[in-house]
């Protein structure tokens, strides 16, 4: 009886955690992340183009605090 209860608890735990893990990976796939911080827009764009092999064509440069330019990539 204890063995059956243990199996039920393990199955319930797995049934809860598997969808949560899948949801985390799926939501993270569509997010942009900071890949660098630069002094000028030109430096940021050059770094974005240089990183094409890492993140593809999906990047943008945005103004940040302190007058710095942040490179965001998919």
Protein backbone atom coordinates (compact mmCIF):
# COMPACT_ATOMS: atom_id res chain seq x y z
CA UNK A 1 0.00 0.00 0.00
CA UNK A 2 2.81 2.44 0.87
CA UNK A 3 4.50 1.63 -2.41
CA UNK A 4 1.33 2.48 -4.38
CA UNK A 5 0.91 5.78 -2.54
CA UNK A 6 4.54 6.63 -3.26
CA UNK A 7 4.03 5.92 -6.95
CA UNK A 8 0.90 8.08 -7.03
CA UNK A 9 2.73 10.97 -5.37
CA UNK A 10 5.64 10.64 -7.80
CA UNK A 11 3.27 10.56 -10.78
CA UNK A 12 1.38 13.62 -9.52
CA UNK A 13 4.63 15.52 -9.01
CA UNK A 14 5.86 14.66 -12.50
CA UNK A 15 2.50 15.60 -14.02
CA UNK A 16 2.80 19.02 -12.36
CA UNK A 17 6.46 19.74 -13.14
CA UNK A 18 6.62 18.68 -16.80
CA UNK A 19 4.12 21.30 -18.06
CA UNK A 20 5.81 23.98 -15.94
CA UNK A 21 9.21 23.20 -17.43
CA UNK A 22 7.80 23.29 -20.95
CA UNK A 23 6.07 26.61 -20.32
CA UNK A 24 9.28 28.18 -19.02
CA UNK A 25 11.24 27.15 -22.10
CA UNK A 26 8.52 28.28 -24.47
CA UNK A 27 8.19 31.73 -22.91
CA UNK A 28 11.95 32.26 -22.82
CA UNK A 29 12.21 31.50 -26.54
CA UNK A 30 10.49 34.75 -27.50
CA UNK A 31 12.41 37.14 -25.26
CA UNK A 32 15.17 39.57 -26.16
CA UNK A 33 18.18 39.68 -23.83
CA UNK A 34 20.96 42.20 -23.34
CA UNK A 35 24.05 41.02 -25.23
CA UNK A 36 26.27 44.05 -24.78
CA UNK A 37 26.61 47.68 -23.72
CA UNK A 38 28.27 50.27 -25.97
CA UNK A 39 29.17 53.96 -26.05
CA UNK A 40 27.70 54.75 -29.48
CA UNK A 41 24.90 53.54 -31.73
CA UNK A 42 27.44 52.68 -34.46
CA UNK A 43 29.40 50.39 -32.11
CA UNK A 44 26.21 48.66 -31.05
CA UNK A 45 25.03 48.08 -34.62
CA UNK A 46 28.46 46.75 -35.62
CA UNK A 47 28.42 44.31 -32.69
CA UNK A 48 24.88 43.22 -33.57
CA UNK A 49 25.91 42.48 -37.15
CA UNK A 50 29.09 40.73 -35.99
CA UNK A 51 27.02 38.43 -33.76
CA UNK A 52 24.86 37.20 -36.66
CA UNK A 53 26.16 33.62 -36.25
CA UNK A 54 25.13 33.61 -32.58
CA UNK A 55 21.66 35.20 -32.68
CA UNK A 56 20.81 35.77 -36.33
CA UNK A 57 19.35 38.98 -37.71
CA UNK A 58 17.09 39.60 -34.71
CA UNK A 59 18.75 42.36 -32.70
CA UNK A 60 18.22 46.02 -31.88
CA UNK A 61 20.08 48.78 -30.07
CA UNK A 62 18.33 50.91 -27.46
CA UNK A 63 19.28 53.86 -25.28
CA UNK A 64 19.88 52.96 -21.66
CA UNK A 65 20.76 54.69 -18.42
CA UNK A 66 23.86 56.85 -18.30
CA UNK A 67 23.81 57.54 -22.04
CA UNK A 68 24.88 53.98 -22.88
CA UNK A 69 23.50 51.95 -25.77
CA UNK A 70 22.26 48.41 -25.03
CA UNK A 71 22.36 45.63 -27.60
CA UNK A 72 19.35 43.31 -27.35
CA UNK A 73 19.28 40.04 -29.26
CA UNK A 74 16.79 37.21 -29.61
